[in-house]
Amino acid sequence: MKLTAEPIRNTFAKNVKEYRSVLKYSQEILAEKAKLSVQTIKDIEGCRRWISDSSLTKLAKALNISEYQLLLPEKQNVDKKHKKSVEKSLLFLKERLKGIIDDQIEITINTSDFS
């Protein structure tokens, strides 16, 4: 079974839109508060763009929530199959990010002069 980040992206997009709606923010207001472009907000909510960790932090701060809340499905609306799929995707993403970080640390160690 091939794992993808698609369930996470869909959950993330839905959560950004829902939290924005709760605060009665337009996409323009959220973009301004998060210091992101309006097009970026539109692309996120339309599932056309994934964001960097710094943009995730900016969005969460603008929405007055923790970053992880944007990645977790809303408990009342999630069936077990979807939840399991999101959990698997999160674990896949965690391992992939860990590998990238490990690679970057190794490159830094091998190319730096620490003497």
C-alpha atoms as a PDB file:
ATOM      1  CA  MET A   1       0.000   0.000   0.000  1.00  0.00           C
ATOM      2  CA  LYS A   2       1.414   3.340  -1.042  1.00  0.00           C
ATOM      3  CA  LEU A   3       1.064   6.098   1.527  1.00  0.00           C
ATOM      4  CA  THR A   4       0.523   9.665   0.449  1.00  0.00           C
ATOM      5  CA  ALA A   5       0.218  12.968   2.211  1.00  0.00           C
ATOM      6  CA  GLU A   6      -3.101  13.680   0.471  1.00  0.00           C
ATOM      7  CA  PRO A   7      -5.316  13.026   3.534  1.00  0.00           C
ATOM      8  CA  ILE A   8      -3.136  15.382   5.569  1.00  0.00           C
ATOM      9  CA  ARG A   9      -3.281  18.054   2.875  1.00  0.00           C
ATOM     10  CA  ASN A  10      -7.073  17.785   2.696  1.00  0.00           C
ATOM     11  CA  THR A  11      -7.407  17.946   6.481  1.00  0.00           C
ATOM     12  CA  PHE A  12      -4.978  20.853   6.652  1.00  0.00           C
ATOM     13  CA  ALA A  13      -6.845  22.811   3.949  1.00  0.00           C
ATOM     14  CA  LYS A  14     -10.194  22.174   5.630  1.00  0.00           C
ATOM     15  CA  ASN A  15      -8.863  23.195   9.048  1.00  0.00           C
ATOM     16  CA  VAL A  16      -7.339  26.443   7.794  1.00  0.00           C
ATOM     17  CA  LYS A  17     -10.662  27.388   6.219  1.00  0.00           C
ATOM     18  CA  GLU A  18     -12.699  26.365   9.282  1.00  0.00           C
ATOM     19  CA  TYR A  19     -10.492  28.166  11.814  1.00  0.00           C
ATOM     20  CA  ARG A  20     -10.475  31.234   9.555  1.00  0.00           C
ATOM     21  CA  SER A  21     -14.270  31.127   9.345  1.00  0.00           C
ATOM     22  CA  VAL A  22     -14.656  30.819  13.121  1.00  0.00           C
ATOM     23  CA  LEU A  23     -12.620  34.005  13.512  1.00  0.00           C
ATOM     24  CA  LYS A  24     -14.639  35.616  10.708  1.00  0.00           C
ATOM     25  CA  TYR A  25     -11.436  36.366   8.805  1.00  0.00           C
ATOM     26  CA  SER A  26     -11.479  36.779   5.073  1.00  0.00           C
ATOM     27  CA  GLN A  27      -8.639  35.188   3.160  1.00  0.00           C
ATOM     28  CA  GLU A  28      -7.167  38.661   2.823  1.00  0.00           C
ATOM     29  CA  ILE A  29      -7.240  39.312   6.575  1.00  0.00           C
ATOM     30  CA  LEU A  30      -5.669  35.932   7.333  1.00  0.00           C
ATOM     31  CA  ALA A  31      -2.964  36.544   4.741  1.00  0.00           C
ATOM     32  CA  GLU A  32      -2.180  39.915   6.298  1.00  0.00           C
ATOM     33  CA  LYS A  33      -2.083  38.559   9.860  1.00  0.00           C
ATOM     34  CA  ALA A  34       0.064  35.568   8.832  1.00  0.00           C
ATOM     35  CA  LYS A  35       2.294  37.714   6.594  1.00  0.00           C
ATOM     36  CA  LEU A  36       1.567  35.432   3.638  1.00  0.00           C
ATOM     37  CA  SER A  37       0.142  36.278   0.235  1.00  0.00           C
ATOM     38  CA  VAL A  38      -3.576  36.030  -0.444  1.00  0.00           C
ATOM     39  CA  GLN A  39      -2.764  33.616  -3.275  1.00  0.00           C
ATOM     40  CA  THR A  40      -0.930  31.368  -0.807  1.00  0.00           C
ATOM     41  CA  ILE A  41      -4.018  31.233   1.431  1.00  0.00           C
ATOM     42  CA  LYS A  42      -6.214  30.452  -1.597  1.00  0.00           C
ATOM     43  CA  ASP A  43      -3.824  27.724  -2.731  1.00  0.00           C
ATOM     44  CA  ILE A  44      -3.692  26.192   0.760  1.00  0.00           C
ATOM     45  CA  GLU A  45      -7.470  26.135   1.126  1.00  0.00           C
ATOM     46  CA  GLY A  46      -7.813  24.747  -2.394  1.00  0.00           C
ATOM     47  CA  CYS A  47      -5.320  21.947  -1.649  1.00  0.00           C
ATOM     48  CA  ARG A  48      -3.000  23.236  -4.352  1.00  0.00           C
ATOM     49  CA  ARG A  49      -0.051  24.034  -2.099  1.00  0.00           C
ATOM     50  CA  TRP A  50       1.798  22.603   0.853  1.00  0.00           C
ATOM     51  CA  ILE A  51       3.645  25.029   3.069  1.00  0.00           C
ATOM     52  CA  SER A  52       6.926  25.315   4.898  1.00  0.00           C
ATOM     53  CA  ASP A  53       7.200  24.846   8.626  1.00  0.00           C
ATOM     54  CA  SER A  54       7.697  28.601   9.105  1.00  0.00           C
ATOM     55  CA  SER A  55       4.496  29.329   7.163  1.00  0.00           C
ATOM     56  CA  LEU A  56       2.675  26.714   9.237  1.00  0.00           C
ATOM     57  CA  THR A  57       3.809  28.543  12.385  1.00  0.00           C
ATOM     58  CA  LYS A  58       2.730  31.909  10.958  1.00  0.00           C
ATOM     59  CA  LEU A  59      -0.708  30.543  10.079  1.00  0.00           C
ATOM     60  CA  ALA A  60      -1.219  28.941  13.479  1.00  0.00           C
ATOM     61  CA  LYS A  61      -0.170  32.127  15.242  1.00  0.00           C
ATOM     62  CA  ALA A  62      -2.537  34.215  13.097  1.00  0.00           C
ATOM     63  CA  LEU A  63      -5.363  31.781  13.928  1.00  0.00           C
ATOM     64  CA  ASN A  64      -4.463  31.715  17.652  1.00  0.00           C
ATOM     65  CA  ILE A  65      -3.942  27.954  17.734  1.00  0.00           C
ATOM     66  CA  SER A  66      -1.085  25.459  17.932  1.00  0.00           C
ATOM     67  CA  GLU A  67       0.430  24.152  14.708  1.00  0.00           C
ATOM     68  CA  TYR A  68      -0.648  20.570  15.337  1.00  0.00           C
ATOM     69  CA  GLN A  69      -4.300  21.626  15.406  1.00  0.00           C
ATOM     70  CA  LEU A  70      -4.108  22.415  11.706  1.00  0.00           C
ATOM     71  CA  LEU A  71      -2.985  18.861  10.943  1.00  0.00           C
ATOM     72  CA  LEU A  72      -5.463  16.868  12.998  1.00  0.00           C
ATOM     73  CA  PRO A  73      -8.887  15.908  11.736  1.00  0.00           C
ATOM     74  CA  GLU A  74     -11.906  17.199  13.584  1.00  0.00           C
ATOM     75  CA  LYS A  75     -12.906  14.320  15.847  1.00  0.00           C
ATOM     76  CA  GLN A  76     -16.670  14.598  15.331  1.00  0.00           C
ATOM     77  CA  ASN A  77     -16.453  14.370  11.539  1.00  0.00           C
ATOM     78  CA  VAL A  78     -13.838  11.673  11.125  1.00  0.00           C
ATOM     79  CA  ASP A  79     -14.664   8.054  10.537  1.00  0.00           C
ATOM     80  CA  LYS A  80     -12.192   5.408  11.662  1.00  0.00           C
ATOM     81  CA  LYS A  81     -10.923   4.671   8.149  1.00  0.00           C
ATOM     82  CA  HIS A  82     -10.122   8.317   7.447  1.00  0.00           C
ATOM     83  CA  LYS A  83      -8.517   8.763  10.859  1.00  0.00           C
ATOM     84  CA  LYS A  84      -6.310   5.707  10.313  1.00  0.00           C
ATOM     85  CA  SER A  85      -5.330   7.026   6.893  1.00  0.00           C
ATOM     86  CA  VAL A  86      -4.386  10.408   8.357  1.00  0.00           C
ATOM     87  CA  GLU A  87      -2.401   8.737  11.141  1.00  0.00           C
ATOM     88  CA  LYS A  88      -0.469   6.625   8.629  1.00  0.00           C
ATOM     89  CA  SER A  89       0.212   9.697   6.500  1.00  0.00           C
ATOM     90  CA  LEU A  90       1.447  11.641   9.528  1.00  0.00           C
ATOM     91  CA  LEU A  91       3.809   8.817  10.460  1.00  0.00           C
ATOM     92  CA  PHE A  92       5.046   8.651   6.867  1.00  0.00           C
ATOM     93  CA  LEU A  93       5.603  12.415   6.847  1.00  0.00           C
ATOM     94  CA  LYS A  94       7.420  12.240  10.202  1.00  0.00           C
ATOM     95  CA  GLU A  95       9.805   9.563   8.934  1.00  0.00           C
ATOM     96  CA  ARG A  96      10.405  11.422   5.684  1.00  0.00           C
ATOM     97  CA  LEU A  97      11.189  14.666   7.514  1.00  0.00           C
ATOM     98  CA  LYS A  98      13.465  12.821   9.925  1.00  0.00           C
ATOM     99  CA  GLY A  99      15.386  11.390   6.985  1.00  0.00           C
ATOM    100  CA  ILE A 100      15.752  14.810   5.370  1.00  0.00           C
ATOM    101  CA  ILE A 101      16.983  16.341   8.633  1.00  0.00           C
ATOM    102  CA  ASP A 102      19.447  13.485   9.165  1.00  0.00           C
ATOM    103  CA  ASP A 103      20.766  13.965   5.622  1.00  0.00           C
ATOM    104  CA  GLN A 104      21.196  17.712   6.146  1.00  0.00           C
ATOM    105  CA  ILE A 105      23.049  17.204   9.421  1.00  0.00           C
ATOM    106  CA  GLU A 106      25.352  14.676   7.766  1.00  0.00           C
ATOM    107  CA  ILE A 107      26.061  17.077   4.885  1.00  0.00           C
ATOM    108  CA  THR A 108      26.786  19.885   7.342  1.00  0.00           C
ATOM    109  CA  ILE A 109      29.154  17.718   9.369  1.00  0.00           C
ATOM    110  CA  ASN A 110      30.973  16.495   6.274  1.00  0.00           C
ATOM    111  CA  THR A 111      31.371  19.957   4.720  1.00  0.00           C
ATOM    112  CA  SER A 112      32.187  21.990   7.814  1.00  0.00           C
ATOM    113  CA  ASP A 113      35.497  22.608   9.475  1.00  0.00           C
ATOM    114  CA  PHE A 114      34.886  22.467  13.233  1.00  0.00           C
ATOM    115  CA  SER A 115      38.532  22.773  14.231  1.00  0.00           C
END
